Protein backbone atom coordinates (compact mmCIF):
# COMPACT_ATOMS: atom_id res chain seq x y z
CA MET A 1 99.35 -65.12 32.77
CA THR A 2 99.10 -68.76 32.73
CA ARG A 3 97.49 -70.91 34.80
CA ALA A 4 98.00 -73.90 36.16
CA LYS A 5 95.81 -77.00 34.17
CA PRO A 6 95.00 -79.93 35.91
CA HIS A 7 96.87 -83.27 34.59
CA SER A 8 96.19 -86.27 36.60
CA PRO A 9 92.82 -87.87 37.37
CA SER A 10 91.83 -87.41 40.76
CA CYS A 11 92.39 -83.42 39.55
CA THR A 12 90.10 -83.85 36.18
CA PRO A 13 86.64 -83.71 37.16
CA GLY A 14 85.25 -83.41 33.10
CA LYS A 15 83.55 -81.61 30.98
CA HIS A 16 80.28 -79.49 32.58
CA ARG A 17 77.88 -79.18 30.00
CA ALA A 18 74.59 -77.20 29.54
CA ALA A 19 71.78 -78.11 28.90
CA HIS A 20 71.68 -78.98 25.71
CA SER A 21 74.57 -80.76 25.85
CA GLN A 22 76.68 -77.60 24.41
CA THR A 23 80.45 -77.33 26.15
CA ILE A 24 80.41 -74.02 28.22
CA THR A 25 81.97 -71.36 27.28
CA ASP A 26 85.51 -70.72 29.31
CA THR A 27 84.75 -68.20 31.56
CA PHE A 28 86.47 -67.38 35.68
CA ALA A 29 83.36 -68.46 36.67
CA GLN A 30 83.79 -71.73 34.49
CA ARG A 31 86.92 -72.36 35.33
CA LEU A 32 86.40 -72.39 39.18
CA TYR A 33 84.10 -74.61 38.66
CA THR A 34 85.85 -77.29 37.15
CA THR A 35 88.85 -76.52 39.27
CA ILE A 36 85.68 -76.61 42.33
CA ALA A 37 84.71 -79.95 41.53
CA ALA A 38 87.87 -81.54 41.84
CA ILE A 39 87.95 -80.76 45.21
CA PRO A 40 88.71 -83.92 47.23
CA PHE A 41 85.94 -85.44 49.90
CA GLY A 42 88.11 -83.89 53.03
CA LYS A 43 90.47 -81.38 51.79
CA VAL A 44 89.82 -77.15 51.62
CA THR A 45 91.05 -74.92 50.10
CA THR A 46 91.58 -71.43 50.25
CA TYR A 47 89.11 -68.46 47.75
CA GLY A 48 92.69 -67.32 46.64
CA THR A 49 94.28 -70.36 45.82
CA LEU A 50 90.38 -70.84 43.39
CA ALA A 51 91.46 -67.73 41.68
CA ARG A 52 95.62 -68.68 41.59
CA LEU A 53 94.15 -71.91 39.98
CA ALA A 54 91.02 -70.18 37.39
CA GLY A 55 93.97 -67.47 36.53
CA SER A 56 93.01 -64.44 38.11
CA SER A 57 95.61 -64.99 41.43
CA ARG A 58 94.29 -61.14 42.69
CA ALA A 59 90.71 -62.96 42.06
CA ALA A 60 89.67 -64.36 45.84
CA ARG A 61 86.85 -61.95 47.02
CA GLN A 62 85.17 -62.38 42.52
CA VAL A 63 85.54 -66.76 43.90
CA GLY A 64 82.81 -65.58 46.57
CA GLY A 65 80.57 -63.63 44.22
CA VAL A 66 80.11 -66.45 42.19
CA LEU A 67 79.75 -69.45 44.93
CA ARG A 68 77.54 -67.56 46.60
CA HIS A 69 75.58 -67.00 43.28
CA LEU A 70 75.94 -71.02 43.10
CA PRO A 71 71.71 -72.62 43.36
CA LYS A 72 71.24 -73.91 47.04
CA ASP A 73 71.20 -77.31 45.05
CA THR A 74 74.37 -77.56 43.47
CA ALA A 75 76.39 -80.96 43.09
CA LEU A 76 79.61 -78.92 43.21
CA PRO A 77 81.18 -78.96 47.06
CA TRP A 78 81.75 -75.20 47.66
CA HIS A 79 81.52 -75.63 51.45
CA ARG A 80 85.86 -77.36 51.06
CA VAL A 81 86.20 -73.07 49.94
CA ILE A 82 87.68 -71.63 52.95
CA ASN A 83 89.55 -68.46 53.77
CA HIS A 84 92.93 -68.06 54.42
CA GLN A 85 93.23 -68.61 57.98
CA GLY A 86 91.51 -71.42 58.11
CA LYS A 87 88.07 -70.46 58.35
CA VAL A 88 84.59 -70.64 57.19
CA SER A 89 84.21 -66.96 56.20
CA LEU A 90 79.97 -67.67 56.15
CA ALA A 91 77.94 -66.58 58.90
CA GLY A 92 74.43 -67.76 60.29
CA SER A 93 72.67 -71.04 59.07
CA SER A 94 75.11 -70.67 55.83
CA LEU A 95 77.98 -71.07 58.27
CA ILE A 96 76.19 -74.32 60.52
CA ARG A 97 75.45 -75.94 57.13
CA GLN A 98 79.09 -75.79 56.04
CA LYS A 99 80.55 -76.80 58.90
CA ARG A 100 78.77 -79.26 59.29
CA LYS A 101 79.14 -80.87 55.45
CA LEU A 102 83.20 -80.49 56.83
CA ARG A 103 82.68 -82.25 59.70
CA GLU A 104 80.67 -85.03 57.93
CA GLU A 105 83.40 -85.72 55.65
CA GLY A 106 86.48 -85.90 58.57
CA VAL A 107 87.63 -82.22 58.44
CA VAL A 108 88.64 -81.55 62.06
CA PHE A 109 87.81 -77.92 63.34
CA ARG A 110 90.67 -76.63 65.96
CA LYS A 111 88.76 -74.72 69.03
CA ASP A 112 89.38 -71.41 68.01
CA GLY A 113 86.79 -72.77 64.55
CA SER A 114 90.15 -72.84 61.93
CA ILE A 115 91.27 -75.69 59.92
CA ASP A 116 94.98 -77.42 60.01
CA LEU A 117 95.41 -76.73 55.83
CA LYS A 118 98.77 -78.65 56.40
CA ILE A 119 96.22 -81.47 57.48
CA PHE A 120 93.31 -80.60 54.85
CA GLY A 121 94.20 -78.61 52.39
CA TRP A 122 94.01 -79.72 49.30
CA ASN A 123 97.74 -80.35 48.03
CA VAL A 124 97.39 -78.94 44.20
CA GLU A 125 100.70 -78.60 43.39
CA ARG A 126 100.22 -82.36 41.74
CA CYS A 127 97.40 -80.66 39.84
CA GLN A 128 99.68 -78.31 38.13
CA ASN A 129 102.20 -78.77 35.47
């Protein structure tokens, strides 16, 4: 299975480096971090799309697991990842925090709590070979 590769500057966030300045081994999680970092301000994508872009099209739940283990102070825009229905999958204070961050970027929620993916969805096709 081949995975999508970024080719435009807006889709290439740069290499993540370990604290000791050596490149981290290419893992599913690392490919996710790189892809998440490329999601533009004011845009969202789904767990399933991230899984596909990271090379494991059936690993949407694993995307959620990786995101769940991010440190609270991460610079990655984790809040730009939503479910395939256009909704935030979190609950409680995490739900409130994610919605606040998205609203700060200009993302609009419908009355049912969903986001219009046609308007706010990340168009990744231009990032694929």
